[in-house]
Amino acid sequence: MQPLALDVFRTVARHGSITAAARELRYTQSAVSRQIAALEADLGVALFDRLPRGVALTEPGRCLLPHAEAVLDRLTTAHRDLDALRGLGGGRLRVGAFPTAMAALVPRALAAFRAAYPRVALSVVEGRTPDLLERLLAGDADVAVVSAPADRPLDTGRFDLRHLLDERLLVAVARDHRLARRRTVRLAELADDPFIAGSAGGEDPLMRATMPPGFRPRTDIVAADWTGKLGCVAAGLGVALVPALAVRAAPADLVLLRLHADDAPARRVYAATVGGRHRPPAVDRLVAGLAEEAAGAASPARRVAGRRPISSTG
């Protein structure tokens, strides 16, 4: 059964007249009659009794009518929903992001998106890059903000990657730390300092990705989230590595120093989608918003004793 034939059938049933139905549909009477005859042939039943004046539904016709109306109403709803998706007047957008991207970069882009397209339902999940990429492949996320070291690029065969920015690491120290007035430090200069890490041993991803061969920092305190980690630094209990994107979470009573580029090359931050798949308009708009937010961000912050802070990347 074709939707056109069902629409013609419904219209004839409503008017009780092929002539009136043809007038509403702007078809010829013969075209309407052919549609009804083809539908009856397809179903193997007579849908109308032809009367001297007009037509009347048969028992099979009365049985078919509510089904035809339900099918046509669902198709109308489907077209309306698809139009809403195209115009971003509805639908949903599922976003993933690694933790420090959630400090400012992603929330700011999402806030701008929601202001422009309030009818699109947003959901966000935070996770590590490998997990976020798996969510993309599984169809559980539409776009993910992920990161990778320059020497370990992501799989461009499976993912479409929009480069957003290159992020460098900073070192957080207490305001009375011996190096607090420096602009840039080397890891070797921190060899005697205890590090505040996100996990014990060599499991902390920042420590594992940054420490050069032979450098074995002492980890006295393990703090899983940034509030605890940076609070310990501000209290003078140690130093911590801080991605530039997490600067927004840093309290004012500590100092952020640049880590020398030879010790910690920049990591690359991308908006990732699954390669070879159609991207909904909402994804394209959010990726553009993320790129705009990243481009508008300034260089990483430094909070140096006696100097005013410099604005940060997100």
Protein backbone atom coordinates (compact mmCIF):
# COMPACT_ATOMS: atom_id res chain seq x y z
CA MET A 1 0.00 0.00 0.00
CA GLN A 2 1.45 3.32 -1.06
CA PRO A 3 0.90 6.42 1.09
CA LEU A 4 -0.56 8.26 -1.89
CA ALA A 5 -3.21 5.57 -2.38
CA LEU A 6 -4.07 5.65 1.34
CA ASP A 7 -4.40 9.43 1.25
CA VAL A 8 -6.72 9.22 -1.77
CA PHE A 9 -8.75 6.49 -0.03
CA ARG A 10 -9.08 8.57 3.16
CA THR A 11 -10.14 11.66 1.23
CA VAL A 12 -12.79 9.78 -0.78
CA ALA A 13 -14.10 8.20 2.44
CA ARG A 14 -14.32 11.61 4.13
CA HIS A 15 -16.28 13.18 1.27
CA GLY A 16 -18.25 10.11 0.16
CA SER A 17 -17.53 11.31 -3.36
CA ILE A 18 -14.81 10.70 -5.91
CA THR A 19 -15.60 14.05 -7.54
CA ALA A 20 -15.25 15.99 -4.28
CA ALA A 21 -12.06 14.11 -3.38
CA ALA A 22 -10.56 14.89 -6.80
CA ARG A 23 -11.40 18.55 -6.32
CA GLU A 24 -9.66 18.68 -2.89
CA LEU A 25 -6.64 16.73 -4.08
CA ARG A 26 -6.47 18.61 -7.39
CA TYR A 27 -6.49 15.36 -9.34
CA THR A 28 -8.73 14.31 -12.18
CA GLN A 29 -11.65 12.04 -11.33
CA SER A 30 -10.12 9.28 -13.42
CA ALA A 31 -6.83 9.56 -11.48
CA VAL A 32 -8.67 9.18 -8.18
CA SER A 33 -10.67 6.23 -9.52
CA ARG A 34 -7.45 4.53 -10.69
CA GLN A 35 -5.86 4.95 -7.25
CA ILE A 36 -8.90 3.41 -5.55
CA ALA A 37 -9.06 0.56 -8.07
CA ALA A 38 -5.32 -0.16 -7.64
CA LEU A 39 -5.68 -0.22 -3.84
CA GLU A 40 -8.66 -2.57 -4.04
CA ALA A 41 -6.72 -4.85 -6.38
CA ASP A 42 -3.75 -4.82 -4.01
CA LEU A 43 -5.90 -5.73 -1.01
CA GLY A 44 -8.25 -8.08 -2.86
CA VAL A 45 -11.38 -6.42 -1.48
CA ALA A 46 -13.90 -3.79 -2.53
CA LEU A 47 -13.48 -0.67 -0.40
CA PHE A 48 -16.44 1.32 -1.71
CA ASP A 49 -19.90 0.62 -3.02
CA ARG A 50 -20.48 2.79 -6.09
CA LEU A 51 -23.83 4.53 -5.65
CA PRO A 52 -25.90 6.63 -8.08
CA ARG A 53 -24.63 9.63 -6.17
CA GLY A 54 -21.24 9.18 -4.62
CA VAL A 55 -19.73 6.16 -2.87
CA ALA A 56 -20.10 4.44 0.50
CA LEU A 57 -17.55 2.44 2.47
CA THR A 58 -17.93 -1.31 2.46
CA GLU A 59 -17.19 -3.35 5.58
CA PRO A 60 -13.53 -3.88 4.48
CA GLY A 61 -13.38 -0.13 3.75
CA ARG A 62 -14.58 0.72 7.26
CA CYS A 63 -11.98 -1.71 8.66
CA LEU A 64 -9.16 -0.14 6.63
CA LEU A 65 -10.00 3.52 7.34
CA PRO A 66 -8.63 3.85 10.92
CA HIS A 67 -5.44 2.03 9.88
CA ALA A 68 -5.00 4.33 6.90
CA GLU A 69 -5.51 7.38 9.14
CA ALA A 70 -2.98 6.05 11.67
CA VAL A 71 -0.36 5.39 8.99
CA LEU A 72 -0.84 8.80 7.39
CA ASP A 73 -0.77 10.58 10.75
CA ARG A 74 2.50 8.83 11.66
CA LEU A 75 4.00 9.81 8.32
CA THR A 76 2.95 13.42 8.90
CA THR A 77 4.60 13.31 12.33
CA ALA A 78 7.75 11.78 10.84
CA HIS A 79 7.99 14.55 8.23
CA ARG A 80 7.47 17.18 10.92
CA ASP A 81 10.17 15.66 13.14
CA LEU A 82 12.60 15.42 10.24
CA ASP A 83 11.94 19.05 9.35
CA ALA A 84 12.64 19.96 12.98
CA LEU A 85 15.94 18.08 12.88
CA ARG A 86 16.98 19.84 9.70
CA GLY A 87 16.13 23.20 11.20
CA LEU A 88 17.47 22.29 14.68
CA GLY A 89 14.00 22.78 16.09
CA GLY A 90 14.14 19.40 17.84
CA GLY A 91 16.10 16.20 18.20
CA ARG A 92 18.97 15.41 20.57
CA LEU A 93 22.72 15.83 20.74
CA ARG A 94 24.90 13.48 22.81
CA VAL A 95 28.33 14.89 23.64
CA GLY A 96 31.37 13.30 25.26
CA ALA A 97 34.41 15.12 26.63
CA PHE A 98 37.57 14.36 28.57
CA PRO A 99 37.55 15.82 32.10
CA THR A 100 39.62 18.99 31.69
CA ALA A 101 37.70 19.96 28.54
CA MET A 102 34.67 20.12 30.84
CA ALA A 103 36.26 22.91 32.90
CA ALA A 104 35.23 25.59 30.40
CA LEU A 105 35.73 24.78 26.70
CA VAL A 106 32.84 22.34 26.30
CA PRO A 107 30.39 24.03 28.72
CA ARG A 108 30.83 27.39 27.00
CA ALA A 109 30.25 25.89 23.56
CA LEU A 110 27.20 24.01 24.87
CA ALA A 111 25.79 27.15 26.49
CA ALA A 112 26.04 29.02 23.19
CA PHE A 113 24.47 26.08 21.34
CA ARG A 114 21.57 25.85 23.79
CA ALA A 115 20.92 29.57 23.54
CA ALA A 116 20.71 29.29 19.74
CA TYR A 117 18.81 25.97 19.58
CA PRO A 118 16.84 25.52 22.81
CA ARG A 119 14.64 22.73 21.43
CA VAL A 120 17.56 20.34 20.87
CA ALA A 121 17.94 18.05 23.90
CA LEU A 122 21.53 17.97 25.16
CA SER A 123 23.27 15.25 27.15
CA VAL A 124 26.93 15.15 28.16
CA VAL A 125 29.14 12.33 29.43
CA GLU A 126 32.65 12.80 30.79
CA GLY A 127 35.33 10.17 30.23
CA ARG A 128 38.82 9.37 29.05
CA THR A 129 39.61 9.56 25.34
CA PRO A 130 39.72 5.77 24.65
CA ASP A 131 36.33 5.32 26.33
CA LEU A 132 34.82 8.26 24.46
CA LEU A 133 36.01 6.90 21.11
CA GLU A 134 34.41 3.54 21.94
CA ARG A 135 31.15 5.32 22.75
CA LEU A 136 31.27 7.01 19.35
CA LEU A 137 31.78 3.68 17.56
CA ALA A 138 28.98 2.07 19.57
CA GLY A 139 26.57 4.86 18.62
CA ASP A 140 26.24 6.07 22.22
CA ALA A 141 27.59 9.56 21.45
CA ASP A 142 27.31 11.88 18.46
CA VAL A 143 30.50 13.89 18.98
CA ALA A 144 33.34 13.74 21.49
CA VAL A 145 36.05 16.19 22.52
CA VAL A 146 39.19 14.06 22.84
CA SER A 147 42.95 14.54 23.13
CA ALA A 148 46.13 12.81 22.04
CA PRO A 149 49.88 13.42 22.30
CA ALA A 150 51.47 14.66 19.09
CA ASP A 151 53.57 11.49 18.83
CA ARG A 152 50.54 9.18 19.27
CA PRO A 153 47.93 10.44 16.79
CA LEU A 154 44.37 9.19 16.77
CA ASP A 155 42.99 6.82 14.13
CA THR A 156 41.95 9.01 11.20
CA GLY A 157 40.73 5.94 9.35
CA ARG A 158 37.85 5.40 11.77
CA PHE A 159 37.29 8.95 13.00
CA ASP A 160 36.81 12.38 11.48
CA LEU A 161 38.85 14.81 13.57
CA ARG A 162 38.44 18.60 13.75
CA HIS A 163 41.54 20.07 15.39
CA LEU A 164 40.51 22.54 18.09
CA LEU A 165 43.73 23.55 19.84
CA ASP A 166 47.11 22.42 21.14
CA GLU A 167 47.19 22.28 24.92
CA ARG A 168 50.32 22.54 27.06
CA LEU A 169 50.88 21.44 30.62
CA LEU A 170 51.43 23.84 33.49
CA VAL A 171 52.88 23.21 36.93
CA ALA A 172 50.91 24.34 39.96
CA VAL A 173 52.97 25.45 42.97
CA ALA A 174 52.17 27.24 46.22
CA ARG A 175 52.59 31.01 46.22
CA ASP A 176 55.61 30.75 48.55
CA HIS A 177 57.29 28.01 46.50
CA ARG A 178 60.94 28.71 45.65
CA LEU A 179 60.10 28.77 41.90
CA ALA A 180 56.85 30.71 42.15
CA ARG A 181 58.26 33.80 40.46
CA ARG A 182 59.62 31.90 37.48
CA ARG A 183 57.89 31.92 34.10
CA THR A 184 59.02 28.47 32.92
CA VAL A 185 60.40 25.49 34.82
CA ARG A 186 62.05 22.20 33.95
CA LEU A 187 60.95 18.93 35.50
CA ALA A 188 64.50 18.36 36.74
CA GLU A 189 64.08 21.44 38.95
CA LEU A 190 61.16 19.72 40.67
CA ALA A 191 63.01 16.48 41.40
CA ASP A 192 62.97 17.12 45.16
CA ASP A 193 59.31 18.18 45.28
CA PRO A 194 56.50 15.77 46.17
CA PHE A 195 53.87 15.56 43.42
CA ILE A 196 50.14 15.54 44.03
CA ALA A 197 48.84 12.92 41.57
CA GLY A 198 45.45 11.65 40.48
CA SER A 199 46.37 8.03 41.18
CA ALA A 200 49.18 6.13 42.82
CA GLY A 201 52.35 4.88 41.16
CA GLY A 202 52.60 5.24 37.39
CA GLU A 203 48.87 5.05 36.73
CA ASP A 204 48.21 8.79 36.66
CA PRO A 205 47.74 9.56 32.92
CA LEU A 206 49.31 13.04 33.12
CA MET A 207 52.36 11.73 34.97
CA ARG A 208 52.72 8.76 32.63
CA ALA A 209 52.50 10.92 29.50
CA THR A 210 54.85 13.63 30.77
CA MET A 211 57.68 12.20 32.83
CA PRO A 212 60.89 11.68 30.84
CA PRO A 213 62.84 8.42 31.18
CA GLY A 214 64.62 8.21 34.48
CA PHE A 215 62.54 10.88 36.23
CA ARG A 216 60.80 9.31 39.22
CA PRO A 217 58.72 11.86 41.12
CA ARG A 218 57.77 11.23 44.72
CA THR A 219 53.99 10.99 45.17
CA ASP A 220 52.95 11.56 48.77
CA ILE A 221 49.30 12.45 48.20
CA VAL A 222 46.77 11.00 45.76
CA ALA A 223 43.74 13.19 45.01
CA ALA A 224 41.27 12.08 42.36
CA ASP A 225 39.62 15.41 41.54
CA TRP A 226 41.00 18.85 40.79
CA THR A 227 39.52 20.50 43.87
CA GLY A 228 41.46 18.25 46.22
CA LYS A 229 44.61 18.17 44.11
CA LEU A 230 44.93 21.94 43.75
CA GLY A 231 43.86 22.52 47.33
CA CYS A 232 46.81 20.41 48.48
CA VAL A 233 49.14 22.41 46.23
CA ALA A 234 47.87 25.72 47.60
CA ALA A 235 48.51 24.44 51.13
CA GLY A 236 52.14 23.75 50.24
CA LEU A 237 51.90 19.94 50.35
CA GLY A 238 53.43 19.47 46.88
CA VAL A 239 53.24 20.43 43.23
CA ALA A 240 50.92 19.17 40.48
CA LEU A 241 50.74 19.04 36.72
CA VAL A 242 47.77 20.97 35.35
CA PRO A 243 46.49 20.92 31.74
CA ALA A 244 45.86 24.44 30.46
CA LEU A 245 42.18 23.65 29.92
CA ALA A 246 41.79 23.00 33.65
CA VAL A 247 43.07 26.46 34.65
CA ARG A 248 39.54 27.62 35.38
CA ALA A 249 39.40 25.13 38.25
CA ALA A 250 42.60 26.50 39.87
CA PRO A 251 42.15 28.49 43.10
CA ALA A 252 43.62 31.97 43.30
CA ASP A 253 46.07 31.13 46.11
CA LEU A 254 48.49 29.16 43.96
CA VAL A 255 50.78 29.90 41.02
CA LEU A 256 50.69 28.26 37.58
CA LEU A 257 54.00 28.03 35.73
CA ARG A 258 54.74 26.93 32.20
CA LEU A 259 56.42 23.57 31.85
CA HIS A 260 59.29 23.64 29.38
CA ALA A 261 58.22 22.34 25.94
CA ASP A 262 61.10 19.83 25.87
CA ASP A 263 59.68 18.18 28.99
CA ALA A 264 56.03 18.15 27.96
CA PRO A 265 55.08 18.58 24.28
CA ALA A 266 51.61 19.95 23.63
CA ARG A 267 48.75 17.49 23.35
CA ARG A 268 46.29 17.96 20.54
CA VAL A 269 42.60 18.44 21.25
CA TYR A 270 39.98 17.42 18.67
CA ALA A 271 36.25 17.21 18.13
CA ALA A 272 35.78 13.62 16.93
CA THR A 273 32.96 11.94 15.03
CA VAL A 274 32.80 8.51 13.41
CA GLY A 275 34.26 8.57 9.91
CA GLY A 276 32.04 7.74 6.96
CA ARG A 277 28.77 8.41 8.82
CA HIS A 278 26.29 11.18 8.16
CA ARG A 279 26.56 13.98 10.71
CA PRO A 280 23.31 15.62 11.82
CA PRO A 281 23.18 19.41 11.52
CA ALA A 282 23.35 19.70 15.33
CA VAL A 283 26.77 18.01 15.34
CA ASP A 284 28.14 20.34 12.68
CA ARG A 285 26.84 23.40 14.56
CA LEU A 286 28.37 22.27 17.86
CA VAL A 287 31.74 21.42 16.26
CA ALA A 288 31.78 24.90 14.72
CA GLY A 289 30.98 26.36 18.15
CA LEU A 290 33.79 24.38 19.79
CA ALA A 291 36.22 25.60 17.14
CA GLU A 292 35.10 29.19 17.67
CA GLU A 293 35.46 28.87 21.44
CA ALA A 294 38.94 27.32 21.09
CA ALA A 295 40.05 29.97 18.60
CA GLY A 296 38.91 32.75 20.90
CA ALA A 297 40.85 31.41 23.85
CA ALA A 298 44.10 33.10 24.79
CA SER A 299 47.42 31.48 25.69
CA PRO A 300 47.65 29.31 28.84
CA ALA A 301 47.50 31.16 32.14
CA ARG A 302 50.37 31.99 34.48
CA ARG A 303 49.65 33.10 38.02
CA VAL A 304 53.00 34.46 39.21
CA ALA A 305 53.48 36.11 42.59
CA GLY A 306 53.55 39.86 42.19
CA ARG A 307 52.15 39.75 38.63
CA ARG A 308 48.56 39.87 37.37
CA PRO A 309 47.16 36.58 35.94
CA ILE A 310 47.05 36.20 32.18
CA SER A 311 43.77 34.92 30.70
CA SER A 312 43.61 31.21 29.98
CA THR A 313 42.63 28.74 27.29
CA GLY A 314 39.13 27.95 28.51
